[in-house]
Amino acid sequence: MEPLAFNADLLTRQPPRGMDVDTTLAHFAIITCLVDPDVARRHLHSRFELDLISVDGRE
């Protein structure tokens, strides 16, 4: 097994694009799952907003 080490690719930051996220937050998560938004809302605190996508014509 090779030891882990930083290399030029890991140390060079590419500009964010598309759905990329660049953060220094200690506690941060992006969770992506395919569920009915109404069902998900029942389990999330009201301060959170869902980012919805369309799949087969449904959010």
PDB file of N, CA and C in Angstrom:
ATOM      1  N   MET A   1       0.840  -1.180   0.000  1.00  0.00           N
ATOM      2  CA  MET A   1       0.000   0.000   0.000  1.00  0.00           C
ATOM      3  C   MET A   1       0.882   1.239   0.000  1.00  0.00           C
ATOM      4  N   GLU A   2       0.585   2.170  -0.900  1.00  0.00           N
ATOM      5  CA  GLU A   2       1.372   3.399  -0.986  1.00  0.00           C
ATOM      6  C   GLU A   2       0.960   4.373   0.118  1.00  0.00           C
ATOM      7  N   PRO A   3       1.921   5.097   0.701  1.00  0.00           N
ATOM      8  CA  PRO A   3       1.562   6.088   1.722  1.00  0.00           C
ATOM      9  C   PRO A   3       0.819   7.267   1.078  1.00  0.00           C
ATOM     10  N   LEU A   4      -0.090   7.843   1.839  1.00  0.00           N
ATOM     11  CA  LEU A   4      -0.814   9.012   1.356  1.00  0.00           C
ATOM     12  C   LEU A   4       0.101  10.226   1.393  1.00  0.00           C
ATOM     13  N   ALA A   5       0.052  11.027   0.339  1.00  0.00           N
ATOM     14  CA  ALA A   5       0.867  12.234   0.282  1.00  0.00           C
ATOM     15  C   ALA A   5       0.185  13.255  -0.620  1.00  0.00           C
ATOM     16  N   PHE A   6       0.408  14.519  -0.316  1.00  0.00           N
ATOM     17  CA  PHE A   6      -0.106  15.577  -1.179  1.00  0.00           C
ATOM     18  C   PHE A   6       0.757  15.650  -2.422  1.00  0.00           C
ATOM     19  N   ASN A   7       0.120  15.916  -3.563  1.00  0.00           N
ATOM     20  CA  ASN A   7       0.859  16.124  -4.800  1.00  0.00           C
ATOM     21  C   ASN A   7       0.360  17.410  -5.444  1.00  0.00           C
ATOM     22  N   ALA A   8       0.935  17.765  -6.558  1.00  0.00           N
ATOM     23  CA  ALA A   8       0.574  19.034  -7.210  1.00  0.00           C
ATOM     24  C   ALA A   8      -0.910  19.089  -7.558  1.00  0.00           C
ATOM     25  N   ASP A   9      -1.504  17.955  -7.972  1.00  0.00           N
ATOM     26  CA  ASP A   9      -2.925  17.943  -8.305  1.00  0.00           C
ATOM     27  C   ASP A   9      -3.791  18.234  -7.089  1.00  0.00           C
ATOM     28  N   LEU A  10      -3.408  17.723  -5.933  1.00  0.00           N
ATOM     29  CA  LEU A  10      -4.191  17.946  -4.719  1.00  0.00           C
ATOM     30  C   LEU A  10      -3.996  19.345  -4.153  1.00  0.00           C
ATOM     31  N   LEU A  11      -2.877  19.961  -4.431  1.00  0.00           N
ATOM     32  CA  LEU A  11      -2.578  21.283  -3.885  1.00  0.00           C
ATOM     33  C   LEU A  11      -2.994  22.422  -4.803  1.00  0.00           C
ATOM     34  N   THR A  12      -3.390  22.118  -6.033  1.00  0.00           N
ATOM     35  CA  THR A  12      -3.814  23.135  -6.983  1.00  0.00           C
ATOM     36  C   THR A  12      -5.333  23.197  -6.984  1.00  0.00           C
ATOM     37  N   ARG A  13      -5.877  24.331  -6.599  1.00  0.00           N
ATOM     38  CA  ARG A  13      -7.327  24.484  -6.523  1.00  0.00           C
ATOM     39  C   ARG A  13      -7.877  24.928  -7.870  1.00  0.00           C
ATOM     40  N   GLN A  14      -8.807  24.146  -8.404  1.00  0.00           N
ATOM     41  CA  GLN A  14      -9.476  24.500  -9.639  1.00  0.00           C
ATOM     42  C   GLN A  14     -10.646  25.436  -9.321  1.00  0.00           C
ATOM     43  N   PRO A  15     -11.003  26.353 -10.222  1.00  0.00           N
ATOM     44  CA  PRO A  15     -12.150  27.221  -9.964  1.00  0.00           C
ATOM     45  C   PRO A  15     -13.438  26.403  -9.895  1.00  0.00           C
ATOM     46  N   PRO A  16     -14.335  26.726  -8.943  1.00  0.00           N
ATOM     47  CA  PRO A  16     -15.602  25.987  -8.851  1.00  0.00           C
ATOM     48  C   PRO A  16     -16.432  26.165 -10.110  1.00  0.00           C
ATOM     49  N   ARG A  17     -17.174  25.121 -10.482  1.00  0.00           N
ATOM     50  CA  ARG A  17     -18.072  25.197 -11.625  1.00  0.00           C
ATOM     51  C   ARG A  17     -19.244  24.253 -11.401  1.00  0.00           C
ATOM     52  N   GLY A  18     -20.354  24.535 -12.050  1.00  0.00           N
ATOM     53  CA  GLY A  18     -21.521  23.674 -11.923  1.00  0.00           C
ATOM     54  C   GLY A  18     -22.040  23.618 -10.497  1.00  0.00           C
ATOM     55  N   MET A  19     -22.098  22.435  -9.942  1.00  0.00           N
ATOM     56  CA  MET A  19     -22.600  22.225  -8.585  1.00  0.00           C
ATOM     57  C   MET A  19     -21.449  22.095  -7.576  1.00  0.00           C
ATOM     58  N   ASP A  20     -20.241  22.542  -7.931  1.00  0.00           N
ATOM     59  CA  ASP A  20     -19.099  22.456  -7.028  1.00  0.00           C
ATOM     60  C   ASP A  20     -19.304  23.341  -5.807  1.00  0.00           C
ATOM     61  N   VAL A  21     -18.712  22.923  -4.718  1.00  0.00           N
ATOM     62  CA  VAL A  21     -18.756  23.700  -3.484  1.00  0.00           C
ATOM     63  C   VAL A  21     -17.337  23.790  -2.940  1.00  0.00           C
ATOM     64  N   ASP A  22     -16.942  24.978  -2.544  1.00  0.00           N
ATOM     65  CA  ASP A  22     -15.633  25.201  -1.942  1.00  0.00           C
ATOM     66  C   ASP A  22     -15.877  25.813  -0.576  1.00  0.00           C
ATOM     67  N   THR A  23     -15.464  25.136   0.489  1.00  0.00           N
ATOM     68  CA  THR A  23     -15.766  25.614   1.829  1.00  0.00           C
ATOM     69  C   THR A  23     -14.642  25.294   2.799  1.00  0.00           C
ATOM     70  N   THR A  24     -14.559  26.058   3.851  1.00  0.00           N
ATOM     71  CA  THR A  24     -13.633  25.768   4.944  1.00  0.00           C
ATOM     72  C   THR A  24     -14.423  25.486   6.226  1.00  0.00           C
ATOM     73  N   LEU A  25     -15.728  25.275   6.088  1.00  0.00           N
ATOM     74  CA  LEU A  25     -16.563  24.999   7.246  1.00  0.00           C
ATOM     75  C   LEU A  25     -16.181  23.660   7.861  1.00  0.00           C
ATOM     76  N   ALA A  26     -16.207  23.597   9.184  1.00  0.00           N
ATOM     77  CA  ALA A  26     -15.875  22.351   9.867  1.00  0.00           C
ATOM     78  C   ALA A  26     -17.027  21.355   9.802  1.00  0.00           C
ATOM     79  N   HIS A  27     -18.265  21.846   9.788  1.00  0.00           N
ATOM     80  CA  HIS A  27     -19.432  20.964   9.782  1.00  0.00           C
ATOM     81  C   HIS A  27     -20.314  21.352   8.605  1.00  0.00           C
ATOM     82  N   PHE A  28     -20.171  20.639   7.508  1.00  0.00           N
ATOM     83  CA  PHE A  28     -20.881  20.976   6.284  1.00  0.00           C
ATOM     84  C   PHE A  28     -21.219  19.679   5.556  1.00  0.00           C
ATOM     85  N   ALA A  29     -22.422  19.599   5.018  1.00  0.00           N
ATOM     86  CA  ALA A  29     -22.809  18.404   4.266  1.00  0.00           C
ATOM     87  C   ALA A  29     -23.744  18.786   3.131  1.00  0.00           C
ATOM     88  N   ILE A  30     -23.584  18.118   2.034  1.00  0.00           N
ATOM     89  CA  ILE A  30     -24.546  18.172   0.943  1.00  0.00           C
ATOM     90  C   ILE A  30     -25.071  16.748   0.809  1.00  0.00           C
ATOM     91  N   ILE A  31     -26.362  16.603   0.949  1.00  0.00           N
ATOM     92  CA  ILE A  31     -26.972  15.285   0.889  1.00  0.00           C
ATOM     93  C   ILE A  31     -27.908  15.266  -0.309  1.00  0.00           C
ATOM     94  N   THR A  32     -27.716  14.304  -1.183  1.00  0.00           N
ATOM     95  CA  THR A  32     -28.534  14.178  -2.373  1.00  0.00           C
ATOM     96  C   THR A  32     -29.225  12.829  -2.348  1.00  0.00           C
ATOM     97  N   CYS A  33     -30.546  12.845  -2.425  1.00  0.00           N
ATOM     98  CA  CYS A  33     -31.295  11.593  -2.470  1.00  0.00           C
ATOM     99  C   CYS A  33     -32.588  11.829  -3.237  1.00  0.00           C
ATOM    100  N   LEU A  34     -33.138  10.759  -3.750  1.00  0.00           N
ATOM    101  CA  LEU A  34     -34.360  10.834  -4.542  1.00  0.00           C
ATOM    102  C   LEU A  34     -35.532  10.382  -3.675  1.00  0.00           C
ATOM    103  N   VAL A  35     -36.268  11.361  -3.137  1.00  0.00           N
ATOM    104  CA  VAL A  35     -37.444  11.091  -2.306  1.00  0.00           C
ATOM    105  C   VAL A  35     -38.527  12.113  -2.640  1.00  0.00           C
ATOM    106  N   ASP A  36     -39.727  11.808  -2.231  1.00  0.00           N
ATOM    107  CA  ASP A  36     -40.838  12.736  -2.387  1.00  0.00           C
ATOM    108  C   ASP A  36     -40.562  13.957  -1.498  1.00  0.00           C
ATOM    109  N   PRO A  37     -40.543  15.186  -2.044  1.00  0.00           N
ATOM    110  CA  PRO A  37     -40.238  16.374  -1.243  1.00  0.00           C
ATOM    111  C   PRO A  37     -41.172  16.545  -0.044  1.00  0.00           C
ATOM    112  N   ASP A  38     -42.445  16.186  -0.185  1.00  0.00           N
ATOM    113  CA  ASP A  38     -43.377  16.312   0.937  1.00  0.00           C
ATOM    114  C   ASP A  38     -42.995  15.385   2.085  1.00  0.00           C
ATOM    115  N   VAL A  39     -42.512  14.206   1.758  1.00  0.00           N
ATOM    116  CA  VAL A  39     -42.061  13.272   2.794  1.00  0.00           C
ATOM    117  C   VAL A  39     -40.801  13.812   3.465  1.00  0.00           C
ATOM    118  N   ALA A  40     -39.851  14.319   2.683  1.00  0.00           N
ATOM    119  CA  ALA A  40     -38.613  14.845   3.253  1.00  0.00           C
ATOM    120  C   ALA A  40     -38.883  16.023   4.179  1.00  0.00           C
ATOM    121  N   ARG A  41     -39.784  16.910   3.791  1.00  0.00           N
ATOM    122  CA  ARG A  41     -40.081  18.098   4.603  1.00  0.00           C
ATOM    123  C   ARG A  41     -40.600  17.723   5.992  1.00  0.00           C
ATOM    124  N   ARG A  42     -41.311  16.607   6.103  1.00  0.00           N
ATOM    125  CA  ARG A  42     -41.816  16.173   7.411  1.00  0.00           C
ATOM    126  C   ARG A  42     -40.689  15.838   8.383  1.00  0.00           C
ATOM    127  N   HIS A  43     -39.514  15.548   7.855  1.00  0.00           N
ATOM    128  CA  HIS A  43     -38.396  15.116   8.692  1.00  0.00           C
ATOM    129  C   HIS A  43     -37.312  16.180   8.864  1.00  0.00           C
ATOM    130  N   LEU A  44     -37.470  17.320   8.203  1.00  0.00           N
ATOM    131  CA  LEU A  44     -36.471  18.385   8.266  1.00  0.00           C
ATOM    132  C   LEU A  44     -37.000  19.570   9.056  1.00  0.00           C
ATOM    133  N   HIS A  45     -36.109  20.235   9.753  1.00  0.00           N
ATOM    134  CA  HIS A  45     -36.476  21.456  10.470  1.00  0.00           C
ATOM    135  C   HIS A  45     -36.910  22.505   9.449  1.00  0.00           C
ATOM    136  N   SER A  46     -37.855  23.330   9.817  1.00  0.00           N
ATOM    137  CA  SER A  46     -38.410  24.317   8.878  1.00  0.00           C
ATOM    138  C   SER A  46     -37.382  25.338   8.397  1.00  0.00           C
ATOM    139  N   ARG A  47     -36.256  25.477   9.095  1.00  0.00           N
ATOM    140  CA  ARG A  47     -35.234  26.436   8.642  1.00  0.00           C
ATOM    141  C   ARG A  47     -34.483  25.948   7.400  1.00  0.00           C
ATOM    142  N   PHE A  48     -34.618  24.665   7.066  1.00  0.00           N
ATOM    143  CA  PHE A  48     -33.947  24.111   5.894  1.00  0.00           C
ATOM    144  C   PHE A  48     -34.866  24.159   4.687  1.00  0.00           C
ATOM    145  N   GLU A  49     -34.299  24.548   3.551  1.00  0.00           N
ATOM    146  CA  GLU A  49     -35.038  24.552   2.291  1.00  0.00           C
ATOM    147  C   GLU A  49     -34.478  23.458   1.404  1.00  0.00           C
ATOM    148  N   LEU A  50     -35.350  22.812   0.677  1.00  0.00           N
ATOM    149  CA  LEU A  50     -34.922  21.777  -0.256  1.00  0.00           C
ATOM    150  C   LEU A  50     -34.584  22.397  -1.608  1.00  0.00           C
ATOM    151  N   ASP A  51     -33.504  21.961  -2.211  1.00  0.00           N
ATOM    152  CA  ASP A  51     -33.188  22.300  -3.601  1.00  0.00           C
ATOM    153  C   ASP A  51     -33.704  21.139  -4.433  1.00  0.00           C
ATOM    154  N   LEU A  52     -34.721  21.389  -5.239  1.00  0.00           N
ATOM    155  CA  LEU A  52     -35.386  20.319  -5.975  1.00  0.00           C
ATOM    156  C   LEU A  52     -34.936  20.263  -7.425  1.00  0.00           C
ATOM    157  N   ILE A  53     -34.888  19.053  -7.953  1.00  0.00           N
ATOM    158  CA  ILE A  53     -34.635  18.833  -9.367  1.00  0.00           C
ATOM    159  C   ILE A  53     -35.820  18.062  -9.931  1.00  0.00           C
ATOM    160  N   SER A  54     -35.969  18.072 -11.223  1.00  0.00           N
ATOM    161  CA  SER A  54     -37.049  17.304 -11.871  1.00  0.00           C
ATOM    162  C   SER A  54     -36.484  16.015 -12.418  1.00  0.00           C
ATOM    163  N   VAL A  55     -37.199  14.917 -12.140  1.00  0.00           N
ATOM    164  CA  VAL A  55     -36.853  13.597 -12.678  1.00  0.00           C
ATOM    165  C   VAL A  55     -38.122  13.024 -13.279  1.00  0.00           C
ATOM    166  N   ASP A  56     -38.074  12.723 -14.538  1.00  0.00           N
ATOM    167  CA  ASP A  56     -39.244  12.210 -15.251  1.00  0.00           C
ATOM    168  C   ASP A  56     -40.443  13.134 -15.086  1.00  0.00           C
ATOM    169  N   GLY A  57     -40.222  14.447 -15.081  1.00  0.00           N
ATOM    170  CA  GLY A  57     -41.299  15.414 -14.994  1.00  0.00           C
ATOM    171  C   GLY A  57     -41.824  15.680 -13.595  1.00  0.00           C
ATOM    172  N   ARG A  58     -41.246  15.063 -12.574  1.00  0.00           N
ATOM    173  CA  ARG A  58     -41.685  15.276 -11.177  1.00  0.00           C
ATOM    174  C   ARG A  58     -40.545  15.840 -10.362  1.00  0.00           C
ATOM    175  N   GLU A  59     -40.902  16.741  -9.406  1.00  0.00           N
ATOM    176  CA  GLU A  59     -39.880  17.268  -8.505  1.00  0.00           C
ATOM    177  C   GLU A  59     -39.571  16.236  -7.441  1.00  0.00           C
TER     178      GLU A  59
END
